[in-house]
Amino acid sequence: MVPTFAADARVELVAAADPRAEARRRFEREFGGRTFDSVEALCADPTVDVVYVATPHQLHAEHARAAAARGKHVLVEKPMALTLEDCRAMIAAARSAGVRLVVGPSHGFDAPIRRAREIIDSGAVGRVRMITAFDFTDYLYRPRRPEELDTARGGGAVFNQAAHQVDVVRQLGGSHQPRSRLTGRWDEARPTEGAYAALSPSRTVRSRRWCIAATRTSIGRIRRLGGRVGRTKDSARYGEARKLLTTSPDEARLKNSRNFGNRNLAAPAGQALHEHFGVVIVSCERADLRPLRTG
């Protein structure tokens, strides 16, 4: 998100909060803004209009409410929060303060997904009968902080990955809450969900007829599909993340080395492809639609 904000003329990065001194120093050096060691101090800055909450998942609700209480609009990363009660409290805080609360990223609005929805809404391909979505990533075997391997604190593939696929499927089919869910915990050394599957009866907005939406993710990758941020994956590097964990026992250090302050997070040069989250196929009465990275 840092390179995205920096590249957008509508956004001025004026302040940041991070408990890591190296991240604060780098922000000051690159953006000339003020830095704080707590979110509360950041929210008290009168020059800040919008607060982007990208803190660990278990802190989203607390930090979003803190920003709203100071009259700041809020963009909060997925997952919005860990419980429905926290989500409702965030909404109530935003309404009470008269500020906007946006949950992102929202890949249901990516151009290929929007185009598929336009085709569906046109009626040219008939009613939606089923949506199939699946992806395989190395999510669980990238360096993680302890709470990222603890479901109670927002860890695991469901909290981290499912939002993307559910967002896309809902945009295409108007899906309701999944009725049947299955998760997998297969590695005792990574004691959280590494896989999930869901079946969701849903109705398209246009036809009001029922269809089934399915999403699934796991721990591996179909490399030829490319990376999440539009870059093509190098198949020779398959398994690199898992190998790194076995050769470098200090996982916390590895994680920190990948974060802002210790890593060049510039936007990839020459990126011409849309982000994607695996295979998505919309089975309609007279056609099958598949949004691709290329359109």
Protein backbone atom coordinates (compact mmCIF):
# COMPACT_ATOMS: atom_id res chain seq x y z
CA MET A 1 0.00 0.00 0.00
CA VAL A 2 2.90 2.40 0.63
CA PRO A 3 3.99 2.51 -3.04
CA THR A 4 0.33 2.70 -4.10
CA PHE A 5 -0.30 5.75 -1.92
CA ALA A 6 2.96 7.37 -2.98
CA ALA A 7 2.06 6.99 -6.66
CA ASP A 8 -1.43 8.51 -6.30
CA ALA A 9 -1.55 12.29 -6.71
CA ARG A 10 -4.73 12.46 -4.62
CA VAL A 11 -2.92 11.18 -1.52
CA GLU A 12 -0.32 12.92 0.62
CA LEU A 13 1.41 10.79 3.23
CA VAL A 14 1.89 13.12 6.21
CA ALA A 15 2.33 10.84 9.24
CA ALA A 16 2.81 7.22 10.29
CA ALA A 17 2.85 5.11 13.43
CA ASP A 18 5.03 2.06 13.93
CA PRO A 19 6.59 0.47 17.04
CA ARG A 20 9.79 -0.20 15.02
CA ALA A 21 12.28 2.67 15.04
CA GLU A 22 13.76 1.65 11.68
CA ALA A 23 10.36 1.95 10.01
CA ARG A 24 9.79 5.40 11.52
CA ARG A 25 13.21 6.59 10.35
CA ARG A 26 12.60 5.35 6.83
CA PHE A 27 9.19 7.01 6.64
CA GLU A 28 10.63 10.33 7.77
CA ARG A 29 13.44 10.03 5.24
CA GLU A 30 11.27 9.04 2.27
CA PHE A 31 8.15 11.11 2.88
CA GLY A 32 9.25 13.89 5.20
CA GLY A 33 6.30 13.20 7.47
CA ARG A 34 5.91 12.94 11.21
CA THR A 35 6.12 9.59 12.97
CA PHE A 36 4.74 8.20 16.22
CA ASP A 37 5.29 5.04 18.23
CA SER A 38 1.56 4.57 18.89
CA VAL A 39 -1.62 4.70 16.84
CA GLU A 40 -3.28 6.88 19.47
CA ALA A 41 -0.63 9.56 19.03
CA LEU A 42 -1.02 9.41 15.25
CA CYS A 43 -4.78 9.83 15.51
CA ALA A 44 -4.30 12.92 17.68
CA ASP A 45 -2.35 14.69 14.91
CA PRO A 46 -4.62 17.51 13.64
CA THR A 47 -3.09 17.44 10.13
CA VAL A 48 -4.22 13.86 9.47
CA ASP A 49 -7.51 13.49 7.57
CA VAL A 50 -7.60 9.72 6.96
CA VAL A 51 -6.00 6.87 8.91
CA TYR A 52 -5.10 3.65 7.10
CA VAL A 53 -5.18 0.83 9.66
CA ALA A 54 -2.74 -1.93 8.66
CA THR A 55 -1.88 -3.14 12.14
CA PRO A 56 -2.13 -6.81 13.24
CA HIS A 57 -5.63 -8.17 12.84
CA GLN A 58 -6.54 -8.36 16.50
CA LEU A 59 -5.98 -4.59 16.78
CA HIS A 60 -8.11 -3.44 13.83
CA ALA A 61 -11.25 -2.74 15.86
CA GLU A 62 -9.41 -0.84 18.61
CA HIS A 63 -7.43 1.30 16.19
CA ALA A 64 -10.37 2.03 13.88
CA ARG A 65 -12.41 3.24 16.84
CA ALA A 66 -9.49 5.36 18.05
CA ALA A 67 -9.26 7.06 14.65
CA ALA A 68 -13.01 7.65 14.43
CA ALA A 69 -13.06 9.11 17.94
CA ARG A 70 -10.59 11.75 16.71
CA GLY A 71 -12.74 12.58 13.69
CA LYS A 72 -10.56 10.74 11.15
CA HIS A 73 -11.92 8.81 8.19
CA VAL A 74 -10.77 5.20 8.33
CA LEU A 75 -9.49 2.73 5.74
CA VAL A 76 -8.99 -0.59 7.50
CA GLU A 77 -7.29 -3.66 6.07
CA LYS A 78 -9.05 -6.99 5.81
CA PRO A 79 -10.18 -8.71 7.89
CA MET A 80 -12.32 -5.86 9.20
CA ALA A 81 -12.20 -7.42 12.69
CA LEU A 82 -12.20 -10.84 14.34
CA THR A 83 -15.81 -10.85 15.57
CA LEU A 84 -19.13 -9.51 14.32
CA GLU A 85 -19.46 -7.61 17.59
CA ASP A 86 -16.24 -5.73 16.90
CA CYS A 87 -17.37 -4.99 13.34
CA ARG A 88 -20.63 -3.53 14.60
CA ALA A 89 -18.77 -1.44 17.20
CA MET A 90 -16.54 -0.02 14.44
CA ILE A 91 -19.57 0.89 12.34
CA ALA A 92 -21.27 2.51 15.33
CA ALA A 93 -18.13 4.53 16.14
CA ALA A 94 -17.88 5.80 12.56
CA ARG A 95 -21.55 6.77 12.46
CA SER A 96 -21.34 8.51 15.82
CA ALA A 97 -18.32 10.55 14.67
CA GLY A 98 -19.73 11.25 11.21
CA VAL A 99 -16.71 9.75 9.40
CA ARG A 100 -16.31 7.22 6.59
CA LEU A 101 -15.26 3.65 7.32
CA VAL A 102 -13.95 1.66 4.33
CA VAL A 103 -12.73 -1.95 4.44
CA GLY A 104 -10.19 -2.91 1.79
CA PRO A 105 -8.74 -4.04 -0.42
CA SER A 106 -11.85 -4.75 -2.49
CA HIS A 107 -10.83 -6.81 -5.50
CA GLY A 108 -14.44 -7.30 -6.48
CA PHE A 109 -14.00 -3.89 -8.15
CA ASP A 110 -10.99 -4.93 -10.26
CA ALA A 111 -11.61 -4.37 -13.98
CA PRO A 112 -11.86 -8.06 -15.05
CA ILE A 113 -14.34 -8.80 -12.25
CA ARG A 114 -16.43 -5.72 -13.05
CA ARG A 115 -16.48 -6.67 -16.74
CA ALA A 116 -17.68 -10.18 -15.92
CA ARG A 117 -20.43 -8.70 -13.76
CA GLU A 118 -21.48 -6.38 -16.62
CA ILE A 119 -21.82 -9.41 -18.92
CA ILE A 120 -23.92 -11.19 -16.29
CA ASP A 121 -26.14 -8.14 -15.75
CA SER A 122 -26.69 -7.77 -19.50
CA GLY A 123 -28.57 -11.07 -19.56
CA ALA A 124 -26.66 -12.22 -22.63
CA VAL A 125 -25.38 -15.42 -20.99
CA GLY A 126 -28.45 -16.26 -18.94
CA ARG A 127 -28.62 -16.87 -15.22
CA VAL A 128 -25.64 -17.67 -13.02
CA ARG A 129 -25.76 -21.31 -11.94
CA MET A 130 -22.46 -21.78 -10.12
CA ILE A 131 -19.29 -19.89 -9.28
CA THR A 132 -16.10 -21.85 -8.66
CA ALA A 133 -13.05 -20.14 -7.16
CA PHE A 134 -9.84 -21.80 -6.02
CA ASP A 135 -6.29 -20.77 -5.29
CA PHE A 136 -3.12 -22.37 -3.95
CA THR A 137 -0.55 -20.16 -2.22
CA ASP A 138 2.46 -20.51 0.07
CA TYR A 139 0.81 -18.19 2.60
CA LEU A 140 1.37 -20.40 5.65
CA TYR A 141 5.07 -20.89 4.94
CA ARG A 142 6.10 -17.28 4.56
CA PRO A 143 7.78 -15.77 7.64
CA ARG A 144 5.14 -14.98 10.26
CA ARG A 145 4.86 -13.23 13.59
CA PRO A 146 3.55 -15.45 16.43
CA GLU A 147 0.02 -14.02 16.29
CA GLU A 148 -0.19 -14.83 12.57
CA LEU A 149 -0.06 -18.52 13.50
CA ASP A 150 -2.71 -18.13 16.24
CA THR A 151 -6.31 -18.23 15.01
CA ALA A 152 -7.60 -16.57 18.18
CA ARG A 153 -5.52 -13.51 17.30
CA GLY A 154 -6.50 -13.43 13.64
CA GLY A 155 -3.96 -15.85 12.23
CA GLY A 156 -4.44 -18.42 9.50
CA ALA A 157 -5.63 -18.58 5.91
CA VAL A 158 -9.29 -17.89 6.67
CA PHE A 159 -8.74 -14.47 8.23
CA ASN A 160 -5.91 -13.59 5.84
CA GLN A 161 -6.91 -15.02 2.47
CA ALA A 162 -10.63 -15.81 2.37
CA ALA A 163 -11.75 -12.17 2.26
CA HIS A 164 -10.32 -11.77 -1.24
CA GLN A 165 -12.16 -14.72 -2.74
CA VAL A 166 -15.41 -14.05 -0.88
CA ASP A 167 -15.29 -10.43 -2.06
CA VAL A 168 -14.88 -11.50 -5.71
CA VAL A 169 -17.56 -14.20 -5.51
CA ARG A 170 -20.07 -11.86 -3.85
CA GLN A 171 -19.50 -9.23 -6.54
CA LEU A 172 -20.14 -11.78 -9.28
CA GLY A 173 -23.06 -13.62 -7.72
CA GLY A 174 -24.49 -11.60 -4.85
CA SER A 175 -23.53 -14.41 -2.48
CA HIS A 176 -24.81 -14.64 1.07
CA GLN A 177 -22.94 -16.01 4.08
CA PRO A 178 -21.45 -19.48 3.45
CA ARG A 179 -23.64 -22.28 4.79
CA SER A 180 -21.01 -25.03 4.76
CA ARG A 181 -17.39 -24.49 5.72
CA LEU A 182 -14.36 -26.74 6.10
CA THR A 183 -10.89 -25.80 7.30
CA GLY A 184 -7.63 -27.71 7.44
CA ARG A 185 -4.81 -27.64 10.01
CA TRP A 186 -2.19 -30.09 8.80
CA ASP A 187 1.15 -28.89 10.18
CA GLU A 188 1.72 -29.01 13.94
CA ALA A 189 4.57 -26.53 13.55
CA ARG A 190 2.14 -24.00 12.00
CA PRO A 191 -0.85 -24.44 14.34
CA THR A 192 -3.51 -22.51 12.42
CA GLU A 193 -5.66 -22.94 9.34
CA GLY A 194 -3.67 -23.56 6.19
CA ALA A 195 -6.66 -24.37 4.00
CA TYR A 196 -10.38 -23.75 3.76
CA ALA A 197 -13.34 -24.62 1.56
CA ALA A 198 -16.80 -23.06 1.57
CA LEU A 199 -20.13 -23.64 -0.15
CA SER A 200 -22.56 -20.76 -0.29
CA PRO A 201 -26.11 -20.76 -1.67
CA SER A 202 -26.61 -17.36 -3.26
CA ARG A 203 -28.87 -15.34 -5.50
CA THR A 204 -27.78 -13.08 -8.32
CA VAL A 205 -29.15 -9.58 -7.98
CA ARG A 206 -30.64 -9.65 -11.46
CA SER A 207 -32.31 -13.06 -11.62
CA ARG A 208 -33.11 -13.72 -7.96
CA ARG A 209 -32.43 -17.41 -8.68
CA TRP A 210 -30.23 -19.66 -6.60
CA CYS A 211 -26.71 -20.69 -7.48
CA ILE A 212 -23.80 -22.18 -5.55
CA ALA A 213 -20.55 -20.35 -4.89
CA ALA A 214 -17.46 -22.26 -3.84
CA THR A 215 -14.11 -20.93 -2.64
CA ARG A 216 -11.01 -22.82 -1.64
CA THR A 217 -7.38 -22.14 -0.84
CA SER A 218 -4.47 -24.24 0.36
CA ILE A 219 -0.73 -24.32 0.91
CA GLY A 220 1.14 -24.58 -2.37
CA ARG A 221 0.84 -22.65 -5.61
CA ILE A 222 -0.14 -23.15 -9.21
CA ARG A 223 2.83 -21.13 -10.35
CA ARG A 224 1.89 -20.54 -13.95
CA LEU A 225 -0.99 -18.32 -12.84
CA GLY A 226 1.41 -15.69 -11.57
CA GLY A 227 1.62 -13.69 -8.38
CA ARG A 228 -1.03 -11.85 -6.42
CA VAL A 229 0.15 -8.34 -7.32
CA GLY A 230 0.28 -8.91 -11.06
CA ARG A 231 3.86 -10.06 -11.38
CA THR A 232 4.75 -13.36 -13.04
CA LYS A 233 6.11 -15.96 -10.65
CA ASP A 234 9.48 -17.62 -11.21
CA SER A 235 8.83 -21.38 -11.12
CA ALA A 236 12.47 -22.00 -10.20
CA ARG A 237 11.77 -20.36 -6.83
CA TYR A 238 8.94 -22.73 -5.94
CA GLY A 239 9.22 -23.82 -2.30
CA GLU A 240 11.64 -21.01 -1.48
CA ALA A 241 9.59 -19.69 1.45
CA ARG A 242 9.40 -23.07 3.20
CA LYS A 243 13.11 -23.69 2.63
CA LEU A 244 13.93 -20.30 4.14
CA LEU A 245 12.10 -21.23 7.35
CA THR A 246 14.14 -24.41 7.76
CA THR A 247 17.50 -22.71 7.16
CA SER A 248 16.85 -19.54 9.21
CA PRO A 249 15.44 -20.38 12.65
CA ASP A 250 14.79 -16.74 13.67
CA GLU A 251 11.40 -16.33 12.01
CA ALA A 252 10.65 -13.00 13.70
CA ARG A 253 13.81 -11.54 12.19
CA LEU A 254 12.88 -12.88 8.77
CA LYS A 255 9.43 -11.34 9.03
CA ASN A 256 10.81 -7.97 10.04
CA SER A 257 13.30 -8.04 7.16
CA ARG A 258 10.36 -8.15 4.72
CA ASN A 259 8.56 -5.15 6.25
CA PHE A 260 8.77 -1.44 5.57
CA GLY A 261 11.96 -0.02 6.98
CA ASN A 262 14.09 -3.02 6.04
CA ARG A 263 13.01 -3.70 2.48
CA ASN A 264 12.53 -1.78 -0.75
CA LEU A 265 8.77 -1.76 -1.27
CA ALA A 266 8.71 0.22 -4.50
CA ALA A 267 5.94 -0.62 -6.96
CA PRO A 268 7.04 -3.26 -9.51
CA ALA A 269 8.26 -1.72 -12.75
CA GLY A 270 6.32 -2.39 -15.90
CA GLN A 271 3.37 -4.05 -14.15
CA ALA A 272 0.63 -4.51 -16.75
CA LEU A 273 -1.48 -7.30 -15.27
CA HIS A 274 -4.37 -7.22 -12.84
CA GLU A 275 -4.07 -8.82 -9.41
CA HIS A 276 -5.66 -12.22 -9.12
CA PHE A 277 -6.59 -14.76 -6.48
CA GLY A 278 -6.55 -18.00 -8.40
CA VAL A 279 -9.05 -19.45 -10.86
CA VAL A 280 -12.56 -17.97 -10.94
CA ILE A 281 -15.16 -19.52 -13.26
CA VAL A 282 -18.75 -18.30 -13.47
CA SER A 283 -20.97 -21.00 -14.95
CA CYS A 284 -24.02 -19.45 -16.58
CA GLU A 285 -26.83 -20.95 -18.64
CA ARG A 286 -25.29 -20.09 -22.02
CA ALA A 287 -21.61 -19.44 -21.29
CA ASP A 288 -18.77 -19.83 -18.82
CA LEU A 289 -16.98 -16.62 -17.79
CA ARG A 290 -13.43 -16.55 -16.50
CA PRO A 291 -11.85 -13.25 -15.39
CA LEU A 292 -8.12 -13.32 -16.13
CA ARG A 293 -5.10 -11.26 -15.10
CA THR A 294 -5.09 -9.91 -18.65
CA GLY A 295 -8.76 -8.95 -18.72
